[in-house]
Amino acid sequence: ENLLAVHVHAVNIHGTKGGVYTFEKALYRYPTIKGAADQGYRGTFKNTFEVFHNLPVDISPRIKNEFEIQPLRWIVERTFSWFNGSRRLSKDYEIKSFYQENICIISNFATLLRRF
């Protein structure tokens, strides 16, 4: 539940391509990390890491029509909801993406400190 890497990009970059930047940043810091993603990342994201980084990416199966808890997806969505608890992250106040990334990290630290 700790953040491994944060990458803020322009809104016109699709999440599957933006995810490549984030995962490369995490892979640089933590070389033993394993790749896992949902069906939306089966194209560009999966090909980038299997071809260029020789890292297999585990793609989760398609979501069924009935309700079922998705454990990894739940962790991601919960992290985003914790970000919404920070006033500074509730709107786009930052001018540069570098500042936004740092505010995300500070918000995560504050969340972790509150839990202890």
N, C-alpha and C. Protein backbone atom coordinates (compact mmCIF):
# COMPACT_ATOMS: atom_id res chain seq x y z
N GLU A 1 0.80 -1.18 0.00
CA GLU A 1 0.00 0.00 0.00
C GLU A 1 0.85 1.26 0.00
N ASN A 2 2.16 1.09 -0.05
CA ASN A 2 3.05 2.24 -0.19
C ASN A 2 3.19 2.58 -1.66
N LEU A 3 3.34 3.85 -1.93
CA LEU A 3 3.58 4.26 -3.31
C LEU A 3 4.99 3.87 -3.72
N LEU A 4 5.12 3.24 -4.86
CA LEU A 4 6.44 2.91 -5.38
C LEU A 4 6.94 4.00 -6.31
N ALA A 5 6.03 4.56 -7.09
CA ALA A 5 6.39 5.63 -8.02
C ALA A 5 5.14 6.41 -8.39
N VAL A 6 5.34 7.68 -8.70
CA VAL A 6 4.25 8.56 -9.13
C VAL A 6 4.71 9.27 -10.39
N HIS A 7 3.83 9.31 -11.37
CA HIS A 7 4.12 10.07 -12.60
C HIS A 7 2.85 10.81 -12.99
N VAL A 8 2.91 12.11 -12.97
CA VAL A 8 1.78 12.94 -13.39
C VAL A 8 2.06 13.40 -14.82
N HIS A 9 1.09 13.20 -15.70
CA HIS A 9 1.28 13.59 -17.10
C HIS A 9 0.06 14.35 -17.59
N ALA A 10 0.17 14.87 -18.79
CA ALA A 10 -0.93 15.64 -19.37
C ALA A 10 -2.16 14.76 -19.56
N VAL A 11 -3.30 15.38 -19.57
CA VAL A 11 -4.55 14.65 -19.64
C VAL A 11 -4.76 14.01 -21.02
N ASN A 12 -4.07 14.50 -22.05
CA ASN A 12 -4.26 13.93 -23.38
C ASN A 12 -3.40 12.68 -23.62
N ILE A 13 -2.65 12.23 -22.64
CA ILE A 13 -1.90 10.98 -22.73
C ILE A 13 -2.75 9.89 -22.10
N HIS A 14 -3.00 8.84 -22.87
CA HIS A 14 -3.85 7.76 -22.38
C HIS A 14 -3.19 7.03 -21.22
N GLY A 15 -3.98 6.48 -20.33
CA GLY A 15 -3.47 5.82 -19.14
C GLY A 15 -2.55 4.65 -19.43
N THR A 16 -2.78 3.94 -20.53
CA THR A 16 -1.91 2.81 -20.86
C THR A 16 -0.51 3.28 -21.24
N LYS A 17 -0.41 4.44 -21.86
CA LYS A 17 0.91 4.98 -22.20
C LYS A 17 1.53 5.69 -21.00
N GLY A 18 0.72 6.35 -20.20
CA GLY A 18 1.23 6.98 -18.98
C GLY A 18 1.67 5.96 -17.96
N GLY A 19 1.03 4.80 -17.97
CA GLY A 19 1.42 3.72 -17.06
C GLY A 19 2.81 3.19 -17.34
N VAL A 20 3.24 3.29 -18.60
CA VAL A 20 4.59 2.86 -18.97
C VAL A 20 5.62 3.72 -18.24
N TYR A 21 5.40 5.04 -18.21
CA TYR A 21 6.33 5.94 -17.52
C TYR A 21 6.40 5.62 -16.03
N THR A 22 5.24 5.41 -15.44
CA THR A 22 5.19 5.13 -14.00
C THR A 22 5.88 3.81 -13.67
N PHE A 23 5.58 2.78 -14.46
CA PHE A 23 6.17 1.47 -14.17
C PHE A 23 7.67 1.47 -14.45
N GLU A 24 8.13 2.21 -15.45
CA GLU A 24 9.58 2.31 -15.69
C GLU A 24 10.27 3.01 -14.54
N LYS A 25 9.63 4.02 -13.98
CA LYS A 25 10.19 4.72 -12.83
C LYS A 25 10.27 3.78 -11.63
N ALA A 26 9.23 3.00 -11.40
CA ALA A 26 9.22 2.03 -10.30
C ALA A 26 10.24 0.92 -10.54
N LEU A 27 10.36 0.48 -11.79
CA LEU A 27 11.32 -0.58 -12.14
C LEU A 27 12.75 -0.12 -11.93
N TYR A 28 13.03 1.15 -12.19
CA TYR A 28 14.36 1.71 -11.98
C TYR A 28 14.71 1.70 -10.49
N ARG A 29 13.74 2.06 -9.64
CA ARG A 29 13.99 2.12 -8.21
C ARG A 29 13.97 0.74 -7.56
N TYR A 30 13.12 -0.15 -8.06
CA TYR A 30 12.95 -1.49 -7.49
C TYR A 30 13.07 -2.51 -8.61
N PRO A 31 14.28 -2.95 -8.95
CA PRO A 31 14.49 -3.83 -10.10
C PRO A 31 13.85 -5.21 -9.99
N THR A 32 13.46 -5.65 -8.80
CA THR A 32 12.87 -6.98 -8.65
C THR A 32 11.35 -6.96 -8.72
N ILE A 33 10.75 -5.83 -9.07
CA ILE A 33 9.30 -5.71 -9.11
C ILE A 33 8.71 -6.59 -10.21
N LYS A 34 7.52 -7.10 -9.97
CA LYS A 34 6.80 -7.92 -10.94
C LYS A 34 5.71 -7.08 -11.59
N GLY A 35 5.39 -7.36 -12.83
CA GLY A 35 4.39 -6.59 -13.56
C GLY A 35 3.03 -7.25 -13.51
N ALA A 36 2.00 -6.49 -13.20
CA ALA A 36 0.62 -6.96 -13.22
C ALA A 36 -0.27 -5.82 -13.65
N ALA A 37 -1.26 -6.12 -14.47
CA ALA A 37 -2.16 -5.07 -14.97
C ALA A 37 -3.50 -5.71 -15.34
N ASP A 38 -4.49 -4.87 -15.63
CA ASP A 38 -5.77 -5.40 -16.07
C ASP A 38 -5.84 -5.40 -17.59
N GLN A 39 -7.00 -5.79 -18.14
CA GLN A 39 -7.14 -5.98 -19.59
C GLN A 39 -6.85 -4.73 -20.41
N GLY A 40 -7.04 -3.54 -19.85
CA GLY A 40 -6.80 -2.31 -20.60
C GLY A 40 -5.35 -2.11 -20.96
N TYR A 41 -4.45 -2.77 -20.27
CA TYR A 41 -3.00 -2.59 -20.47
C TYR A 41 -2.38 -3.72 -21.29
N ARG A 42 -3.19 -4.50 -21.98
CA ARG A 42 -2.66 -5.67 -22.69
C ARG A 42 -1.91 -5.32 -23.97
N GLY A 43 -2.01 -4.11 -24.48
CA GLY A 43 -1.36 -3.72 -25.74
C GLY A 43 -0.01 -3.08 -25.54
N THR A 44 0.02 -1.75 -25.56
CA THR A 44 1.26 -0.98 -25.49
C THR A 44 2.05 -1.28 -24.23
N PHE A 45 1.37 -1.30 -23.10
CA PHE A 45 2.03 -1.51 -21.81
C PHE A 45 2.72 -2.87 -21.77
N LYS A 46 1.97 -3.91 -22.09
CA LYS A 46 2.52 -5.27 -22.04
C LYS A 46 3.66 -5.45 -23.03
N ASN A 47 3.48 -4.96 -24.25
CA ASN A 47 4.52 -5.10 -25.27
C ASN A 47 5.80 -4.37 -24.88
N THR A 48 5.67 -3.19 -24.30
CA THR A 48 6.85 -2.42 -23.91
C THR A 48 7.71 -3.18 -22.93
N PHE A 49 7.09 -3.77 -21.92
CA PHE A 49 7.89 -4.44 -20.89
C PHE A 49 8.32 -5.84 -21.29
N GLU A 50 7.56 -6.52 -22.11
CA GLU A 50 8.00 -7.84 -22.53
C GLU A 50 9.08 -7.77 -23.59
N VAL A 51 9.02 -6.79 -24.48
CA VAL A 51 10.01 -6.68 -25.56
C VAL A 51 11.26 -5.94 -25.12
N PHE A 52 11.09 -4.74 -24.54
CA PHE A 52 12.25 -3.90 -24.24
C PHE A 52 12.91 -4.20 -22.91
N HIS A 53 12.14 -4.64 -21.93
CA HIS A 53 12.69 -4.89 -20.59
C HIS A 53 12.78 -6.37 -20.25
N ASN A 54 12.28 -7.25 -21.13
CA ASN A 54 12.28 -8.69 -20.90
C ASN A 54 11.64 -9.03 -19.55
N LEU A 55 10.52 -8.38 -19.26
CA LEU A 55 9.80 -8.56 -18.00
C LEU A 55 8.38 -9.00 -18.32
N PRO A 56 8.00 -10.22 -17.92
CA PRO A 56 6.64 -10.66 -18.20
C PRO A 56 5.62 -9.87 -17.38
N VAL A 57 4.53 -9.49 -18.02
CA VAL A 57 3.46 -8.75 -17.35
C VAL A 57 2.24 -9.66 -17.26
N ASP A 58 1.76 -9.85 -16.05
CA ASP A 58 0.59 -10.69 -15.81
C ASP A 58 -0.67 -9.85 -16.01
N ILE A 59 -1.47 -10.21 -17.00
CA ILE A 59 -2.72 -9.50 -17.28
C ILE A 59 -3.85 -10.26 -16.61
N SER A 60 -4.60 -9.57 -15.75
CA SER A 60 -5.71 -10.21 -15.04
C SER A 60 -6.86 -10.49 -16.01
N PRO A 61 -7.66 -11.50 -15.72
CA PRO A 61 -8.75 -11.84 -16.63
C PRO A 61 -9.83 -10.75 -16.65
N ARG A 62 -10.63 -10.80 -17.69
CA ARG A 62 -11.72 -9.83 -17.86
C ARG A 62 -12.71 -9.93 -16.70
N ILE A 63 -13.24 -8.79 -16.30
CA ILE A 63 -14.19 -8.73 -15.19
C ILE A 63 -15.51 -9.34 -15.63
N LYS A 64 -16.09 -10.17 -14.76
CA LYS A 64 -17.37 -10.81 -15.06
C LYS A 64 -18.51 -9.83 -14.85
N ASN A 65 -19.70 -10.23 -15.28
CA ASN A 65 -20.86 -9.36 -15.16
C ASN A 65 -21.39 -9.28 -13.73
N GLU A 66 -21.11 -10.29 -12.92
CA GLU A 66 -21.57 -10.23 -11.53
C GLU A 66 -20.52 -9.56 -10.65
N PHE A 67 -20.95 -9.12 -9.47
CA PHE A 67 -20.06 -8.41 -8.56
C PHE A 67 -19.01 -9.35 -7.99
N GLU A 68 -17.77 -8.92 -8.06
CA GLU A 68 -16.66 -9.70 -7.51
C GLU A 68 -15.56 -8.73 -7.11
N ILE A 69 -14.99 -8.90 -5.93
CA ILE A 69 -13.94 -8.00 -5.46
C ILE A 69 -12.65 -8.31 -6.20
N GLN A 70 -12.05 -7.26 -6.75
CA GLN A 70 -10.77 -7.36 -7.44
C GLN A 70 -9.70 -6.82 -6.51
N PRO A 71 -8.87 -7.66 -5.88
CA PRO A 71 -7.97 -7.19 -4.83
C PRO A 71 -6.98 -6.11 -5.28
N LEU A 72 -6.31 -6.27 -6.39
CA LEU A 72 -5.33 -5.27 -6.82
C LEU A 72 -6.01 -3.97 -7.23
N ARG A 73 -7.13 -4.07 -7.92
CA ARG A 73 -7.87 -2.87 -8.32
C ARG A 73 -8.36 -2.11 -7.10
N TRP A 74 -8.75 -2.84 -6.07
CA TRP A 74 -9.24 -2.22 -4.85
C TRP A 74 -8.15 -1.40 -4.18
N ILE A 75 -6.92 -1.88 -4.18
CA ILE A 75 -5.79 -1.15 -3.59
C ILE A 75 -5.56 0.15 -4.34
N VAL A 76 -5.62 0.12 -5.66
CA VAL A 76 -5.41 1.33 -6.46
C VAL A 76 -6.51 2.34 -6.21
N GLU A 77 -7.76 1.90 -6.25
CA GLU A 77 -8.88 2.81 -6.04
C GLU A 77 -8.88 3.40 -4.64
N ARG A 78 -8.49 2.60 -3.66
CA ARG A 78 -8.42 3.11 -2.29
C ARG A 78 -7.32 4.17 -2.16
N THR A 79 -6.20 3.98 -2.84
CA THR A 79 -5.13 4.97 -2.83
C THR A 79 -5.61 6.29 -3.42
N PHE A 80 -6.35 6.23 -4.53
CA PHE A 80 -6.90 7.45 -5.12
C PHE A 80 -7.88 8.13 -4.17
N SER A 81 -8.67 7.35 -3.44
CA SER A 81 -9.61 7.96 -2.51
C SER A 81 -8.87 8.62 -1.35
N TRP A 82 -7.75 8.07 -0.92
CA TRP A 82 -6.94 8.72 0.12
C TRP A 82 -6.37 10.04 -0.39
N PHE A 83 -6.01 10.09 -1.67
CA PHE A 83 -5.53 11.34 -2.25
C PHE A 83 -6.61 12.41 -2.20
N ASN A 84 -7.86 12.04 -2.41
CA ASN A 84 -8.94 13.01 -2.38
C ASN A 84 -9.15 13.60 -1.00
N GLY A 85 -8.64 12.94 0.03
CA GLY A 85 -8.72 13.48 1.38
C GLY A 85 -7.78 14.66 1.59
N SER A 86 -6.80 14.83 0.74
CA SER A 86 -5.87 15.96 0.83
C SER A 86 -6.47 17.15 0.09
N ARG A 87 -6.57 18.26 0.78
CA ARG A 87 -7.18 19.43 0.15
C ARG A 87 -6.41 19.88 -1.08
N ARG A 88 -5.11 19.81 -1.02
CA ARG A 88 -4.30 20.31 -2.13
C ARG A 88 -4.44 19.42 -3.37
N LEU A 89 -4.79 18.16 -3.19
CA LEU A 89 -4.96 17.27 -4.33
C LEU A 89 -6.42 17.20 -4.80
N SER A 90 -7.33 17.89 -4.12
CA SER A 90 -8.73 17.81 -4.51
C SER A 90 -9.00 18.54 -5.82
N LYS A 91 -8.20 19.52 -6.15
CA LYS A 91 -8.32 20.27 -7.41
C LYS A 91 -6.93 20.39 -8.03
N ASP A 92 -6.87 20.87 -9.24
CA ASP A 92 -5.59 21.05 -9.92
C ASP A 92 -5.02 22.42 -9.60
N TYR A 93 -4.40 22.53 -8.43
CA TYR A 93 -3.81 23.80 -8.02
C TYR A 93 -2.39 23.98 -8.53
N GLU A 94 -1.70 22.88 -8.79
CA GLU A 94 -0.28 22.95 -9.13
C GLU A 94 -0.08 23.37 -10.58
N ILE A 95 0.98 24.12 -10.83
CA ILE A 95 1.29 24.58 -12.18
C ILE A 95 2.14 23.54 -12.90
N LYS A 96 3.10 22.96 -12.21
CA LYS A 96 4.00 21.98 -12.82
C LYS A 96 3.69 20.59 -12.29
N SER A 97 3.86 19.58 -13.14
CA SER A 97 3.55 18.21 -12.75
C SER A 97 4.52 17.71 -11.67
N PHE A 98 5.75 18.24 -11.67
CA PHE A 98 6.73 17.86 -10.64
C PHE A 98 6.19 18.17 -9.25
N TYR A 99 5.55 19.33 -9.09
CA TYR A 99 4.98 19.70 -7.80
C TYR A 99 3.84 18.76 -7.42
N GLN A 100 3.03 18.41 -8.40
CA GLN A 100 1.90 17.51 -8.14
C GLN A 100 2.39 16.14 -7.69
N GLU A 101 3.45 15.63 -8.30
CA GLU A 101 4.01 14.34 -7.90
C GLU A 101 4.49 14.40 -6.45
N ASN A 102 5.15 15.48 -6.08
CA ASN A 102 5.64 15.60 -4.71
C ASN A 102 4.50 15.72 -3.71
N ILE A 103 3.44 16.41 -4.07
CA ILE A 103 2.29 16.51 -3.18
C ILE A 103 1.63 15.14 -3.00
N CYS A 104 1.61 14.32 -4.05
CA CYS A 104 1.08 12.95 -3.93
C CYS A 104 1.91 12.14 -2.93
N ILE A 105 3.22 12.27 -2.99
CA ILE A 105 4.10 11.55 -2.07
C ILE A 105 3.91 12.05 -0.65
N ILE A 106 3.81 13.36 -0.46
CA ILE A 106 3.59 13.91 0.88
C ILE A 106 2.25 13.45 1.43
N SER A 107 1.23 13.43 0.59
CA SER A 107 -0.09 12.96 1.01
C SER A 107 -0.05 11.50 1.43
N ASN A 108 0.71 10.70 0.70
CA ASN A 108 0.84 9.28 1.06
C ASN A 108 1.56 9.13 2.40
N PHE A 109 2.61 9.93 2.64
CA PHE A 109 3.30 9.89 3.92
C PHE A 109 2.35 10.25 5.05
N ALA A 110 1.55 11.29 4.84
CA ALA A 110 0.59 11.73 5.88
C ALA A 110 -0.42 10.62 6.16
N THR A 111 -0.89 9.95 5.13
CA THR A 111 -1.83 8.83 5.31
C THR A 111 -1.19 7.70 6.11
N LEU A 112 0.05 7.36 5.77
CA LEU A 112 0.74 6.29 6.48
C LEU A 112 0.99 6.66 7.95
N LEU A 113 1.34 7.92 8.20
CA LEU A 113 1.58 8.35 9.59
C LEU A 113 0.30 8.33 10.41
N ARG A 114 -0.83 8.66 9.80
CA ARG A 114 -2.11 8.61 10.52
C ARG A 114 -2.50 7.21 10.91
N ARG A 115 -2.06 6.23 10.13
CA ARG A 115 -2.44 4.84 10.39
C ARG A 115 -1.66 4.24 11.56
N PHE A 116 -0.54 4.85 11.93
CA PHE A 116 0.27 4.30 13.03
C PHE A 116 -0.02 4.98 14.33
